[in-house]
Amino acid sequence: MEITIRAGEVSDLPWIQKQYEDIGFLPSDFEKEMICIAEVEGKRAGLGRLKRIDERTAELGGIYVLPLYRGTGLARTIVSALMGHAQTYETVYCLPYAHLLDFYRSFGFSPIPKEMSVPQEITEKLSFCFSAYDTQVLLLIKQCAKS
């Protein structure tokens, strides 16, 4: 199975938005995001995004693998590619479903301490997740670069 990860392009935007709309994720803000698209044998099979919050902070999210390609390691490949880009940030947040905690821990994410302040954009996204999804969502953090 030949897997390719590439940067999303403006021409991919209708497909990207359709995937996210179909699963109830927030639409992409292409101007603020690094979007990776996974292709298997030349066919789009999954995607994910790294959203810039500010010059030091980003959010990893929107990780989605089409049903036909689940169980192939694509999600890990997408997150690995995005985390390669995340090294330019000091802090990366992630708001995954609770059952994915161990998966994200394997990339160095951990639950955020309750007393830690969080950017407003992340707080608003967490509120959206709590209201939009029946599945429990966690707030995770990874410190990438030294400040």
Protein backbone atom coordinates (compact mmCIF):
# COMPACT_ATOMS: atom_id res chain seq x y z
CA MET A 1 0.00 0.00 0.00
CA GLU A 2 1.56 3.27 -1.15
CA ILE A 3 0.80 6.12 1.26
CA THR A 4 1.59 9.73 0.41
CA ILE A 5 1.13 12.71 2.71
CA ARG A 6 0.92 16.08 1.01
CA ALA A 7 -0.07 19.62 1.89
CA GLY A 8 -3.65 20.51 1.13
CA GLU A 9 -4.15 23.00 -1.67
CA VAL A 10 -6.92 25.49 -2.38
CA SER A 11 -8.25 23.09 -5.03
CA ASP A 12 -8.74 20.47 -2.26
CA LEU A 13 -10.87 22.81 -0.17
CA PRO A 14 -14.30 21.58 -1.35
CA TRP A 15 -13.28 17.99 -0.53
CA ILE A 16 -11.79 19.03 2.83
CA GLN A 17 -14.90 20.97 3.84
CA LYS A 18 -17.18 18.10 2.76
CA GLN A 19 -15.29 15.59 4.92
CA TYR A 20 -15.50 17.85 7.95
CA GLU A 21 -19.14 18.71 7.35
CA ASP A 22 -20.06 15.02 7.02
CA ILE A 23 -18.60 14.19 10.45
CA GLY A 24 -19.69 17.36 12.27
CA PHE A 25 -16.23 18.95 12.59
CA LEU A 26 -15.75 22.69 12.26
CA PRO A 27 -14.89 23.82 8.72
CA SER A 28 -11.33 24.61 7.79
CA ASP A 29 -9.93 28.10 7.95
CA PHE A 30 -7.45 27.51 5.13
CA GLU A 31 -5.62 30.80 5.78
CA LYS A 32 -4.67 29.77 9.34
CA GLU A 33 -4.08 26.04 8.86
CA MET A 34 -1.51 23.59 7.65
CA ILE A 35 -3.64 20.79 6.23
CA CYS A 36 -2.18 17.38 5.44
CA ILE A 37 -3.97 15.02 3.10
CA ALA A 38 -3.16 11.32 3.11
CA GLU A 39 -3.46 9.52 -0.19
CA VAL A 40 -3.42 5.76 -0.70
CA GLU A 41 -2.58 4.65 -4.21
CA GLY A 42 -3.32 8.21 -5.36
CA LYS A 43 -6.77 8.43 -3.73
CA ARG A 44 -7.55 10.82 -0.87
CA ALA A 45 -7.96 8.69 2.24
CA GLY A 46 -7.68 11.01 5.23
CA LEU A 47 -6.69 14.41 6.50
CA GLY A 48 -5.72 16.50 9.49
CA ARG A 49 -4.81 20.06 10.33
CA LEU A 50 -2.54 22.18 12.46
CA LYS A 51 -4.24 25.49 13.17
CA ARG A 52 -2.15 28.51 14.10
CA ILE A 53 -3.49 30.28 17.20
CA ASP A 54 -0.58 32.75 17.44
CA GLU A 55 3.16 32.73 16.73
CA ARG A 56 3.83 30.36 19.65
CA THR A 57 0.65 28.30 19.82
CA ALA A 58 -1.23 25.88 17.57
CA GLU A 59 -4.00 23.32 17.73
CA LEU A 60 -3.73 19.85 16.23
CA GLY A 61 -7.12 18.64 15.05
CA GLY A 62 -9.44 17.50 12.35
CA ILE A 63 -7.78 14.10 12.13
CA TYR A 64 -10.06 11.95 10.02
CA VAL A 65 -9.52 8.73 8.07
CA LEU A 66 -12.16 7.58 5.60
CA PRO A 67 -13.80 4.29 6.72
CA LEU A 68 -12.24 2.22 3.91
CA TYR A 69 -8.73 3.07 5.15
CA ARG A 70 -9.14 2.68 8.91
CA GLY A 71 -6.82 0.29 10.66
CA THR A 72 -3.99 0.95 8.21
CA GLY A 73 -1.99 3.36 10.38
CA LEU A 74 -3.08 6.40 8.36
CA ALA A 75 -4.10 8.44 11.41
CA ARG A 76 -0.64 7.90 12.93
CA THR A 77 0.99 8.89 9.64
CA ILE A 78 -1.11 12.07 9.39
CA VAL A 79 -0.44 13.11 13.00
CA SER A 80 3.29 12.39 12.58
CA ALA A 81 3.43 14.64 9.52
CA LEU A 82 1.58 17.44 11.30
CA MET A 83 3.72 17.14 14.41
CA GLY A 84 6.77 17.62 12.20
CA HIS A 85 5.35 21.05 11.35
CA ALA A 86 4.38 21.68 14.98
CA GLN A 87 7.99 21.90 16.10
CA THR A 88 7.99 25.61 15.22
CA TYR A 89 5.46 26.22 18.04
CA GLU A 90 6.09 26.25 21.77
CA THR A 91 2.70 24.79 22.66
CA VAL A 92 0.28 22.57 20.76
CA TYR A 93 -3.20 21.81 22.03
CA CYS A 94 -5.36 18.89 20.96
CA LEU A 95 -9.03 18.18 21.69
CA PRO A 96 -9.52 14.47 20.91
CA TYR A 97 -12.26 12.08 21.88
CA ALA A 98 -11.46 10.51 25.27
CA HIS A 99 -11.01 6.99 23.86
CA LEU A 100 -8.03 8.30 21.82
CA LEU A 101 -6.02 9.43 24.86
CA ASP A 102 -3.37 6.69 24.56
CA PHE A 103 -2.95 7.41 20.84
CA TYR A 104 -2.21 11.09 21.52
CA ARG A 105 -0.06 10.28 24.56
CA SER A 106 2.18 8.36 22.15
CA PHE A 107 2.93 11.73 20.49
CA GLY A 108 3.78 13.38 23.81
CA PHE A 109 0.40 14.96 24.61
CA SER A 110 -0.90 14.94 28.16
CA PRO A 111 -4.01 16.21 29.93
CA ILE A 112 -3.74 19.91 30.69
CA PRO A 113 -3.47 20.85 34.36
CA LYS A 114 -6.76 22.39 35.51
CA GLU A 115 -5.06 25.54 36.84
CA MET A 116 -3.33 26.29 33.52
CA SER A 117 -4.77 29.13 31.45
CA VAL A 118 -5.71 28.35 27.86
CA PRO A 119 -6.06 30.67 24.86
CA GLN A 120 -9.64 31.86 24.32
CA GLU A 121 -9.79 30.20 20.89
CA ILE A 122 -9.10 26.81 22.52
CA THR A 123 -11.67 27.44 25.27
CA GLU A 124 -14.28 28.30 22.64
CA LYS A 125 -13.43 25.18 20.62
CA LEU A 126 -13.74 23.03 23.75
CA SER A 127 -17.17 24.54 24.47
CA PHE A 128 -18.21 23.75 20.89
CA CYS A 129 -17.02 20.15 21.28
CA PHE A 130 -18.91 19.69 24.55
CA SER A 131 -22.13 20.92 22.94
CA ALA A 132 -21.72 19.24 19.53
CA TYR A 133 -20.52 15.72 20.39
CA ASP A 134 -22.02 12.95 22.47
CA THR A 135 -18.55 11.46 22.98
CA GLN A 136 -16.36 12.87 25.77
CA VAL A 137 -13.67 15.28 24.52
CA LEU A 138 -10.37 15.91 26.32
CA LEU A 139 -8.10 18.94 26.38
CA LEU A 140 -4.49 17.86 25.85
CA ILE A 141 -1.27 19.83 25.59
CA LYS A 142 2.24 19.26 24.30
CA GLN A 143 5.15 21.58 24.93
CA CYS A 144 7.27 21.42 21.77
CA ALA A 145 9.92 24.12 21.81
CA LYS A 146 11.70 25.92 24.60
CA SER A 147 10.54 29.47 25.13
